[in-house]
Amino acid sequence: MRLRLDISYDGADFAGWARQPGQRTVQGVVEDALARIMRLDPPPVLTVAGRTDSGVHATGQVAHVVVPTTAYQQISRAMSRRLAAVLPPDVRVREVAPAPEGFDARFSALRRRYEYRVSDEPTGVAPLRRRDTVWHPRPLDVGRMNEASALLVGEHDFAAYCRKREGATTIRRLLRYEWERAEERLAVATVEADAFCHSMVRALVGAVLSVGDGRRPVEWPREVLLAGVRDSAVKVAPAHGLALVEVVYPGDHELADRALATRRVRTLDRPVLPVVPSPSAS
């Protein structure tokens, strides 16, 4: 049977999500915990909504796993408690339950939402927030940052902001990119898209930070996007300021169709499945 897992983790001490030989990863830790409490050998394999990089956090990660029905039934009522007992304190499975028909954590998703935290406090980041907030040594103008971010929203080829992977498209639909002052010296970005390619969020943040501190004009991130090639002037922002906070799925009756449509390779001259923007998106 297929289970859905909702997962949170502090990514500081993980080498990213994906299991790697000799590395401590979120996938490896959670799969090993599942194998232990369900007595499975080899461990079951998780499919995740968003493969986060080394150092990136999550409060709203989603994964699915296929396990023997009998193994789940034997511990279903105590599964969350048993996972809590064997998992390390920097990763939690907040909920686990049978997945709806057609559910695929990766391909059924409508959109993913990330947040990025930056402090421009002259004296540096508060010690208790050093693991999830990046220090920027120059004052930031959030108004200019929002002007620049707005010019990137929409469906584009984000090759200039992605690490190219063989056979993978870099066409994405950026639904929302906004900055706000959560506190006097804390700027938080909300970045939401139907999907993200490798390093895309941190590259977008890095480009707009250079606008916020006055080093680049408002139009520059858009010019980089239209050029369509990686620009060495775009500094990818550090990983630890980034967190995956939400993955949104359609209604149960649309899950399978969404997964099928997402698997198709996208091009800019062919329509893609419509994505409903979040209520807070402008």
C-alpha atoms as a PDB file:
ATOM      1  CA  MET A   1       0.000   0.000   0.000  1.00  0.00           C
ATOM      2  CA  ARG A   2       1.044   3.614  -0.544  1.00  0.00           C
ATOM      3  CA  LEU A   3       1.524   5.957   2.426  1.00  0.00           C
ATOM      4  CA  ARG A   4       1.823   9.747   2.504  1.00  0.00           C
ATOM      5  CA  LEU A   5       4.340  11.228   4.948  1.00  0.00           C
ATOM      6  CA  ASP A   6       4.469  14.895   5.999  1.00  0.00           C
ATOM      7  CA  ILE A   7       8.006  15.683   7.123  1.00  0.00           C
ATOM      8  CA  SER A   8       9.907  18.532   8.789  1.00  0.00           C
ATOM      9  CA  TYR A   9      13.652  18.793   9.271  1.00  0.00           C
ATOM     10  CA  ASP A  10      16.528  21.044  10.198  1.00  0.00           C
ATOM     11  CA  GLY A  11      18.793  20.587   7.191  1.00  0.00           C
ATOM     12  CA  ALA A  12      21.957  21.990   8.744  1.00  0.00           C
ATOM     13  CA  ASP A  13      23.520  18.605   9.506  1.00  0.00           C
ATOM     14  CA  PHE A  14      22.199  16.730   6.468  1.00  0.00           C
ATOM     15  CA  ALA A  15      23.876  16.328   3.075  1.00  0.00           C
ATOM     16  CA  GLY A  16      20.549  17.140   1.429  1.00  0.00           C
ATOM     17  CA  TRP A  17      17.467  15.014   0.935  1.00  0.00           C
ATOM     18  CA  ALA A  18      18.668  12.300  -1.467  1.00  0.00           C
ATOM     19  CA  ARG A  19      20.315   9.142  -0.125  1.00  0.00           C
ATOM     20  CA  GLN A  20      24.070   9.078  -0.873  1.00  0.00           C
ATOM     21  CA  PRO A  21      26.681   6.476   0.065  1.00  0.00           C
ATOM     22  CA  GLY A  22      28.562   7.463   3.186  1.00  0.00           C
ATOM     23  CA  GLN A  23      26.497  10.628   3.724  1.00  0.00           C
ATOM     24  CA  ARG A  24      23.860  11.495   6.309  1.00  0.00           C
ATOM     25  CA  THR A  25      20.742  12.441   4.340  1.00  0.00           C
ATOM     26  CA  VAL A  26      17.096  12.990   5.218  1.00  0.00           C
ATOM     27  CA  GLN A  27      15.933  10.255   2.866  1.00  0.00           C
ATOM     28  CA  GLY A  28      18.393   7.772   4.291  1.00  0.00           C
ATOM     29  CA  VAL A  29      17.475   8.528   7.910  1.00  0.00           C
ATOM     30  CA  VAL A  30      13.714   8.317   7.331  1.00  0.00           C
ATOM     31  CA  GLU A  31      13.923   5.172   5.173  1.00  0.00           C
ATOM     32  CA  ASP A  32      16.073   3.447   7.781  1.00  0.00           C
ATOM     33  CA  ALA A  33      13.612   4.425  10.517  1.00  0.00           C
ATOM     34  CA  LEU A  34      10.713   3.002   8.496  1.00  0.00           C
ATOM     35  CA  ALA A  35      12.640  -0.215   7.906  1.00  0.00           C
ATOM     36  CA  ARG A  36      13.355  -0.525  11.613  1.00  0.00           C
ATOM     37  CA  ILE A  37       9.820  -0.090  12.919  1.00  0.00           C
ATOM     38  CA  MET A  38       8.232  -2.157  10.098  1.00  0.00           C
ATOM     39  CA  ARG A  39      10.981  -4.814  10.048  1.00  0.00           C
ATOM     40  CA  LEU A  40      11.660  -4.406   6.324  1.00  0.00           C
ATOM     41  CA  ASP A  41      14.868  -5.392   4.561  1.00  0.00           C
ATOM     42  CA  PRO A  42      15.866  -3.672   2.342  1.00  0.00           C
ATOM     43  CA  PRO A  43      14.421  -0.316   3.476  1.00  0.00           C
ATOM     44  CA  PRO A  44      11.453   1.017   1.500  1.00  0.00           C
ATOM     45  CA  VAL A  45      12.198   3.834  -0.985  1.00  0.00           C
ATOM     46  CA  LEU A  46      10.691   7.289  -0.503  1.00  0.00           C
ATOM     47  CA  THR A  47       9.544   9.540  -3.356  1.00  0.00           C
ATOM     48  CA  VAL A  48       9.647  13.193  -2.340  1.00  0.00           C
ATOM     49  CA  ALA A  49       7.890  16.368  -3.497  1.00  0.00           C
ATOM     50  CA  GLY A  50      11.090  18.437  -3.537  1.00  0.00           C
ATOM     51  CA  ARG A  51      14.671  17.200  -3.269  1.00  0.00           C
ATOM     52  CA  THR A  52      16.285  19.813  -1.046  1.00  0.00           C
ATOM     53  CA  ASP A  53      20.017  20.528  -1.181  1.00  0.00           C
ATOM     54  CA  SER A  54      22.540  20.194   1.616  1.00  0.00           C
ATOM     55  CA  GLY A  55      21.706  22.617   4.420  1.00  0.00           C
ATOM     56  CA  VAL A  56      18.168  23.443   3.231  1.00  0.00           C
ATOM     57  CA  HIS A  57      15.350  23.028   5.766  1.00  0.00           C
ATOM     58  CA  ALA A  58      11.715  21.952   5.485  1.00  0.00           C
ATOM     59  CA  THR A  59       8.584  22.481   7.519  1.00  0.00           C
ATOM     60  CA  GLY A  60       6.199  21.192   4.847  1.00  0.00           C
ATOM     61  CA  GLN A  61       7.967  18.431   2.934  1.00  0.00           C
ATOM     62  CA  VAL A  62       5.818  15.603   1.530  1.00  0.00           C
ATOM     63  CA  ALA A  63       6.847  12.092   0.472  1.00  0.00           C
ATOM     64  CA  HIS A  64       5.210   8.798  -0.359  1.00  0.00           C
ATOM     65  CA  VAL A  65       6.350   5.229   0.146  1.00  0.00           C
ATOM     66  CA  VAL A  66       5.006   1.818  -0.873  1.00  0.00           C
ATOM     67  CA  VAL A  67       5.100  -0.836   1.875  1.00  0.00           C
ATOM     68  CA  PRO A  68       3.548  -4.268   2.416  1.00  0.00           C
ATOM     69  CA  THR A  69      -0.033  -3.906   3.638  1.00  0.00           C
ATOM     70  CA  THR A  70       0.443  -6.405   6.461  1.00  0.00           C
ATOM     71  CA  ALA A  71       3.535  -4.565   7.752  1.00  0.00           C
ATOM     72  CA  TYR A  72       1.577  -1.298   7.930  1.00  0.00           C
ATOM     73  CA  GLN A  73      -1.507  -2.853   9.519  1.00  0.00           C
ATOM     74  CA  GLN A  74       0.541  -4.337  12.338  1.00  0.00           C
ATOM     75  CA  ILE A  75       1.734  -0.916  13.552  1.00  0.00           C
ATOM     76  CA  SER A  76      -0.671   1.585  11.937  1.00  0.00           C
ATOM     77  CA  ARG A  77      -2.060   2.960  15.210  1.00  0.00           C
ATOM     78  CA  ALA A  78       1.369   3.409  16.769  1.00  0.00           C
ATOM     79  CA  MET A  79       3.366   4.297  13.662  1.00  0.00           C
ATOM     80  CA  SER A  80       3.811   8.034  14.341  1.00  0.00           C
ATOM     81  CA  ARG A  81       4.852   7.370  17.934  1.00  0.00           C
ATOM     82  CA  ARG A  82       7.313   4.662  16.933  1.00  0.00           C
ATOM     83  CA  LEU A  83       8.881   6.872  14.277  1.00  0.00           C
ATOM     84  CA  ALA A  84       9.284   9.669  16.834  1.00  0.00           C
ATOM     85  CA  ALA A  85      11.121   7.241  19.117  1.00  0.00           C
ATOM     86  CA  VAL A  86      13.716   6.167  16.533  1.00  0.00           C
ATOM     87  CA  LEU A  87      14.225   9.320  14.455  1.00  0.00           C
ATOM     88  CA  PRO A  88      16.937  11.840  15.433  1.00  0.00           C
ATOM     89  CA  PRO A  89      15.705  15.193  16.811  1.00  0.00           C
ATOM     90  CA  ASP A  90      16.466  17.132  13.608  1.00  0.00           C
ATOM     91  CA  VAL A  91      13.829  15.294  11.531  1.00  0.00           C
ATOM     92  CA  ARG A  92      10.166  14.601  12.344  1.00  0.00           C
ATOM     93  CA  VAL A  93       7.446  12.738  10.474  1.00  0.00           C
ATOM     94  CA  ARG A  94       4.512  14.910  11.515  1.00  0.00           C
ATOM     95  CA  GLU A  95       1.866  12.715   9.913  1.00  0.00           C
ATOM     96  CA  VAL A  96       1.679   9.374   8.118  1.00  0.00           C
ATOM     97  CA  ALA A  97      -1.469   7.916   6.553  1.00  0.00           C
ATOM     98  CA  PRO A  98      -2.664   5.866   3.568  1.00  0.00           C
ATOM     99  CA  ALA A  99      -2.409   7.968   0.411  1.00  0.00           C
ATOM    100  CA  PRO A 100      -5.449   8.642  -1.806  1.00  0.00           C
ATOM    101  CA  GLU A 101      -5.784   6.748  -5.076  1.00  0.00           C
ATOM    102  CA  GLY A 102      -3.430   8.175  -7.714  1.00  0.00           C
ATOM    103  CA  PHE A 103      -1.322  10.176  -5.241  1.00  0.00           C
ATOM    104  CA  ASP A 104       2.304  10.807  -6.196  1.00  0.00           C
ATOM    105  CA  ALA A 105       4.211  13.126  -3.851  1.00  0.00           C
ATOM    106  CA  ARG A 106       6.322  14.503  -6.687  1.00  0.00           C
ATOM    107  CA  PHE A 107       4.191  14.471  -9.803  1.00  0.00           C
ATOM    108  CA  SER A 108       0.758  15.169  -8.296  1.00  0.00           C
ATOM    109  CA  ALA A 109       1.872  18.466  -6.726  1.00  0.00           C
ATOM    110  CA  LEU A 110       0.338  21.684  -8.041  1.00  0.00           C
ATOM    111  CA  ARG A 111       2.884  24.017  -6.482  1.00  0.00           C
ATOM    112  CA  ARG A 112       5.662  24.301  -3.923  1.00  0.00           C
ATOM    113  CA  ARG A 113       6.305  27.264  -1.631  1.00  0.00           C
ATOM    114  CA  TYR A 114       9.666  28.192  -0.158  1.00  0.00           C
ATOM    115  CA  GLU A 115      10.716  30.926   2.240  1.00  0.00           C
ATOM    116  CA  TYR A 116      14.136  32.544   2.478  1.00  0.00           C
ATOM    117  CA  ARG A 117      15.239  34.525   5.562  1.00  0.00           C
ATOM    118  CA  VAL A 118      17.833  37.316   5.375  1.00  0.00           C
ATOM    119  CA  SER A 119      18.982  39.593   8.201  1.00  0.00           C
ATOM    120  CA  ASP A 120      20.616  42.935   7.443  1.00  0.00           C
ATOM    121  CA  GLU A 121      21.183  43.687  11.111  1.00  0.00           C
ATOM    122  CA  PRO A 122      24.569  45.478  11.237  1.00  0.00           C
ATOM    123  CA  THR A 123      25.805  43.293  14.091  1.00  0.00           C
ATOM    124  CA  GLY A 124      24.825  39.999  12.426  1.00  0.00           C
ATOM    125  CA  VAL A 125      22.200  37.299  12.866  1.00  0.00           C
ATOM    126  CA  ALA A 126      20.823  36.608  16.339  1.00  0.00           C
ATOM    127  CA  PRO A 127      22.606  33.499  17.702  1.00  0.00           C
ATOM    128  CA  LEU A 128      19.399  31.463  18.053  1.00  0.00           C
ATOM    129  CA  ARG A 129      18.529  32.067  14.358  1.00  0.00           C
ATOM    130  CA  ARG A 130      21.974  31.436  12.889  1.00  0.00           C
ATOM    131  CA  ARG A 131      20.954  28.051  11.450  1.00  0.00           C
ATOM    132  CA  ASP A 132      17.988  29.313   9.394  1.00  0.00           C
ATOM    133  CA  THR A 133      18.776  32.967   8.657  1.00  0.00           C
ATOM    134  CA  VAL A 134      21.491  34.400   6.397  1.00  0.00           C
ATOM    135  CA  TRP A 135      23.351  37.587   7.276  1.00  0.00           C
ATOM    136  CA  HIS A 136      23.636  40.238   4.557  1.00  0.00           C
ATOM    137  CA  PRO A 137      26.180  42.897   5.545  1.00  0.00           C
ATOM    138  CA  ARG A 138      24.564  45.720   3.529  1.00  0.00           C
ATOM    139  CA  PRO A 139      21.177  47.413   4.179  1.00  0.00           C
ATOM    140  CA  LEU A 140      18.382  46.067   1.946  1.00  0.00           C
ATOM    141  CA  ASP A 141      15.642  48.049   0.212  1.00  0.00           C
ATOM    142  CA  VAL A 142      12.664  45.675   0.161  1.00  0.00           C
ATOM    143  CA  GLY A 143      10.731  47.974  -2.192  1.00  0.00           C
ATOM    144  CA  ARG A 144      13.395  47.661  -4.890  1.00  0.00           C
ATOM    145  CA  MET A 145      13.598  43.920  -4.279  1.00  0.00           C
ATOM    146  CA  ASN A 146       9.863  43.529  -4.880  1.00  0.00           C
ATOM    147  CA  GLU A 147      10.080  45.547  -8.086  1.00  0.00           C
ATOM    148  CA  ALA A 148      12.824  43.244  -9.375  1.00  0.00           C
ATOM    149  CA  SER A 149      11.065  40.077  -8.203  1.00  0.00           C
ATOM    150  CA  ALA A 150       7.800  41.000  -9.930  1.00  0.00           C
ATOM    151  CA  LEU A 151       9.612  41.109 -13.291  1.00  0.00           C
ATOM    152  CA  LEU A 152      10.483  37.402 -12.927  1.00  0.00           C
ATOM    153  CA  VAL A 153       6.975  36.076 -12.229  1.00  0.00           C
ATOM    154  CA  GLY A 154       5.338  34.017 -14.975  1.00  0.00           C
ATOM    155  CA  GLU A 155       6.208  31.054 -17.159  1.00  0.00           C
ATOM    156  CA  HIS A 156       9.745  31.298 -18.529  1.00  0.00           C
ATOM    157  CA  ASP A 157      12.807  29.275 -19.343  1.00  0.00           C
ATOM    158  CA  PHE A 158      14.788  29.727 -16.122  1.00  0.00           C
ATOM    159  CA  ALA A 159      18.009  28.287 -17.566  1.00  0.00           C
ATOM    160  CA  ALA A 160      19.874  31.366 -16.305  1.00  0.00           C
ATOM    161  CA  TYR A 161      18.907  30.491 -12.730  1.00  0.00           C
ATOM    162  CA  CYS A 162      19.190  26.687 -12.794  1.00  0.00           C
ATOM    163  CA  ARG A 163      21.950  24.153 -12.799  1.00  0.00           C
ATOM    164  CA  LYS A 164      21.392  22.300 -16.037  1.00  0.00           C
ATOM    165  CA  ARG A 165      20.705  18.568 -15.777  1.00  0.00           C
ATOM    166  CA  GLU A 166      20.921  16.318 -18.800  1.00  0.00           C
ATOM    167  CA  GLY A 167      17.499  15.684 -20.312  1.00  0.00           C
ATOM    168  CA  ALA A 168      15.681  17.988 -17.847  1.00  0.00           C
ATOM    169  CA  THR A 169      13.679  21.049 -18.860  1.00  0.00           C
ATOM    170  CA  THR A 170      14.290  24.411 -17.188  1.00  0.00           C
ATOM    171  CA  ILE A 171      10.863  25.811 -18.085  1.00  0.00           C
ATOM    172  CA  ARG A 172       8.965  26.692 -14.921  1.00  0.00           C
ATOM    173  CA  ARG A 173       5.952  28.777 -13.919  1.00  0.00           C
ATOM    174  CA  LEU A 174       6.913  31.170 -11.142  1.00  0.00           C
ATOM    175  CA  LEU A 175       3.642  32.015  -9.415  1.00  0.00           C
ATOM    176  CA  ARG A 176       4.862  34.291  -6.660  1.00  0.00           C
ATOM    177  CA  TYR A 177       8.067  36.021  -5.637  1.00  0.00           C
ATOM    178  CA  GLU A 178       7.653  38.609  -2.879  1.00  0.00           C
ATOM    179  CA  TRP A 179       9.669  40.099  -0.049  1.00  0.00           C
ATOM    180  CA  GLU A 180       8.468  41.506   3.256  1.00  0.00           C
ATOM    181  CA  ARG A 181       9.914  42.833   6.476  1.00  0.00           C
ATOM    182  CA  ALA A 182       8.925  40.226   9.055  1.00  0.00           C
ATOM    183  CA  GLU A 183      10.884  42.250  11.616  1.00  0.00           C
ATOM    184  CA  GLU A 184      12.762  45.537  11.451  1.00  0.00           C
ATOM    185  CA  ARG A 185      16.010  43.935  10.283  1.00  0.00           C
ATOM    186  CA  LEU A 186      14.629  40.699   8.813  1.00  0.00           C
ATOM    187  CA  ALA A 187      13.605  40.328   5.153  1.00  0.00           C
ATOM    188  CA  VAL A 188      11.712  37.169   4.197  1.00  0.00           C
ATOM    189  CA  ALA A 189      11.137  36.058   0.610  1.00  0.00           C
ATOM    190  CA  THR A 190       8.179  33.908  -0.423  1.00  0.00           C
ATOM    191  CA  VAL A 191       8.902  32.028  -3.645  1.00  0.00           C
ATOM    192  CA  GLU A 192       6.208  29.796  -5.134  1.00  0.00           C
ATOM    193  CA  ALA A 193       6.142  27.843  -8.402  1.00  0.00           C
ATOM    194  CA  ASP A 194       4.609  24.778  -9.952  1.00  0.00           C
ATOM    195  CA  ALA A 195       8.078  23.228  -9.663  1.00  0.00           C
ATOM    196  CA  PHE A 196      11.688  24.324  -9.252  1.00  0.00           C
ATOM    197  CA  CYS A 197      14.862  23.233 -10.978  1.00  0.00           C
ATOM    198  CA  HIS A 198      18.168  22.683  -9.198  1.00  0.00           C
ATOM    199  CA  SER A 199      19.408  25.783  -7.271  1.00  0.00           C
ATOM    200  CA  MET A 200      16.671  27.978  -8.789  1.00  0.00           C
ATOM    201  CA  VAL A 201      15.325  29.533  -5.587  1.00  0.00           C
ATOM    202  CA  ARG A 202      18.731  30.406  -4.164  1.00  0.00           C
ATOM    203  CA  ALA A 203      19.869  31.879  -7.491  1.00  0.00           C
ATOM    204  CA  LEU A 204      16.732  34.028  -7.709  1.00  0.00           C
ATOM    205  CA  VAL A 205      17.331  35.222  -4.150  1.00  0.00           C
ATOM    206  CA  GLY A 206      20.989  35.979  -4.852  1.00  0.00           C
ATOM    207  CA  ALA A 207      20.130  38.066  -7.912  1.00  0.00           C
ATOM    208  CA  VAL A 208      17.514  40.147  -6.116  1.00  0.00           C
ATOM    209  CA  LEU A 209      19.709  40.720  -3.037  1.00  0.00           C
ATOM    210  CA  SER A 210      22.160  42.533  -5.305  1.00  0.00           C
ATOM    211  CA  VAL A 211      19.296  44.838  -6.299  1.00  0.00           C
ATOM    212  CA  GLY A 212      18.215  45.348  -2.709  1.00  0.00           C
ATOM    213  CA  ASP A 213      21.615  46.594  -1.592  1.00  0.00           C
ATOM    214  CA  GLY A 214      21.985  48.890  -4.618  1.00  0.00           C
ATOM    215  CA  ARG A 215      24.709  47.052  -6.509  1.00  0.00           C
ATOM    216  CA  ARG A 216      22.437  46.288  -9.483  1.00  0.00           C
ATOM    217  CA  PRO A 217      19.500  48.058 -11.152  1.00  0.00           C
ATOM    218  CA  VAL A 218      15.948  46.769 -10.719  1.00  0.00           C
ATOM    219  CA  GLU A 219      15.843  45.447 -14.304  1.00  0.00           C
ATOM    220  CA  TRP A 220      19.012  43.368 -14.016  1.00  0.00           C
ATOM    221  CA  PRO A 221      17.534  40.035 -12.765  1.00  0.00           C
ATOM    222  CA  ARG A 222      15.026  40.151 -15.652  1.00  0.00           C
ATOM    223  CA  GLU A 223      17.838  40.825 -18.141  1.00  0.00           C
ATOM    224  CA  VAL A 224      19.703  37.788 -16.815  1.00  0.00           C
ATOM    225  CA  LEU A 225      16.545  35.681 -17.216  1.00  0.00           C
ATOM    226  CA  LEU A 226      16.074  36.752 -20.847  1.00  0.00           C
ATOM    227  CA  ALA A 227      19.728  36.064 -21.682  1.00  0.00           C
ATOM    228  CA  GLY A 228      19.024  32.404 -20.932  1.00  0.00           C
ATOM    229  CA  VAL A 229      22.509  31.418 -19.755  1.00  0.00           C
ATOM    230  CA  ARG A 230      24.136  31.170 -16.341  1.00  0.00           C
ATOM    231  CA  ASP A 231      25.692  34.479 -15.320  1.00  0.00           C
ATOM    232  CA  SER A 232      28.696  34.368 -12.999  1.00  0.00           C
ATOM    233  CA  ALA A 233      27.525  37.690 -11.540  1.00  0.00           C
ATOM    234  CA  VAL A 234      24.531  35.897  -9.962  1.00  0.00           C
ATOM    235  CA  LYS A 235      25.690  34.660  -6.577  1.00  0.00           C
ATOM    236  CA  VAL A 236      23.668  31.689  -5.355  1.00  0.00           C
ATOM    237  CA  ALA A 237      22.464  32.522  -1.839  1.00  0.00           C
ATOM    238  CA  PRO A 238      23.586  30.252   1.037  1.00  0.00           C
ATOM    239  CA  ALA A 239      21.509  27.128   1.648  1.00  0.00           C
ATOM    240  CA  HIS A 240      20.693  27.585   5.324  1.00  0.00           C
ATOM    241  CA  GLY A 241      18.347  30.547   4.775  1.00  0.00           C
ATOM    242  CA  LEU A 242      15.985  28.425   2.682  1.00  0.00           C
ATOM    243  CA  ALA A 243      13.054  26.268   3.816  1.00  0.00           C
ATOM    244  CA  LEU A 244      10.374  24.344   1.946  1.00  0.00           C
ATOM    245  CA  VAL A 245       7.199  25.348   3.780  1.00  0.00           C
ATOM    246  CA  GLU A 246       4.299  23.986   1.715  1.00  0.00           C
ATOM    247  CA  VAL A 247       3.395  21.576  -1.083  1.00  0.00           C
ATOM    248  CA  VAL A 248      -0.128  21.928  -2.492  1.00  0.00           C
ATOM    249  CA  TYR A 249      -2.063  19.117  -4.196  1.00  0.00           C
ATOM    250  CA  PRO A 250      -5.354  19.041  -6.122  1.00  0.00           C
ATOM    251  CA  GLY A 251      -8.477  17.225  -4.970  1.00  0.00           C
ATOM    252  CA  ASP A 252      -8.258  13.450  -4.706  1.00  0.00           C
ATOM    253  CA  HIS A 253     -10.124  12.873  -7.975  1.00  0.00           C
ATOM    254  CA  GLU A 254      -7.533  14.978  -9.884  1.00  0.00           C
ATOM    255  CA  LEU A 255      -4.341  13.444  -8.475  1.00  0.00           C
ATOM    256  CA  ALA A 256      -3.705  10.865 -11.192  1.00  0.00           C
ATOM    257  CA  ASP A 257      -4.413  13.290 -14.050  1.00  0.00           C
ATOM    258  CA  ARG A 258      -2.106  15.881 -12.523  1.00  0.00           C
ATOM    259  CA  ALA A 259       0.694  13.316 -12.194  1.00  0.00           C
ATOM    260  CA  LEU A 260       0.288  12.280 -15.823  1.00  0.00           C
ATOM    261  CA  ALA A 261       0.375  15.870 -17.076  1.00  0.00           C
ATOM    262  CA  THR A 262       3.407  16.784 -14.962  1.00  0.00           C
ATOM    263  CA  ARG A 263       5.447  13.940 -16.450  1.00  0.00           C
ATOM    264  CA  ARG A 264       5.181  15.478 -19.923  1.00  0.00           C
ATOM    265  CA  VAL A 265       8.185  17.519 -21.032  1.00  0.00           C
ATOM    266  CA  ARG A 266       7.185  21.175 -21.192  1.00  0.00           C
ATOM    267  CA  THR A 267       7.952  23.726 -23.885  1.00  0.00           C
ATOM    268  CA  LEU A 268       7.063  27.398 -23.968  1.00  0.00           C
ATOM    269  CA  ASP A 269       5.135  27.085 -27.234  1.00  0.00           C
ATOM    270  CA  ARG A 270       2.817  24.334 -25.934  1.00  0.00           C
ATOM    271  CA  PRO A 271       0.120  24.846 -23.270  1.00  0.00           C
ATOM    272  CA  VAL A 272       0.699  23.240 -19.876  1.00  0.00           C
ATOM    273  CA  LEU A 273      -1.798  22.130 -17.276  1.00  0.00           C
ATOM    274  CA  PRO A 274      -3.264  25.208 -15.565  1.00  0.00           C
ATOM    275  CA  VAL A 275      -2.057  25.854 -12.046  1.00  0.00           C
ATOM    276  CA  VAL A 276      -4.358  27.603  -9.603  1.00  0.00           C
ATOM    277  CA  PRO A 277      -2.415  30.410  -7.844  1.00  0.00           C
ATOM    278  CA  SER A 278      -2.416  30.539  -4.079  1.00  0.00           C
ATOM    279  CA  PRO A 279      -5.022  32.849  -2.502  1.00  0.00           C
ATOM    280  CA  SER A 280      -2.290  35.166  -1.214  1.00  0.00           C
ATOM    281  CA  ALA A 281      -0.582  35.536  -4.582  1.00  0.00           C
ATOM    282  CA  SER A 282      -1.000  38.914  -6.245  1.00  0.00           C
END
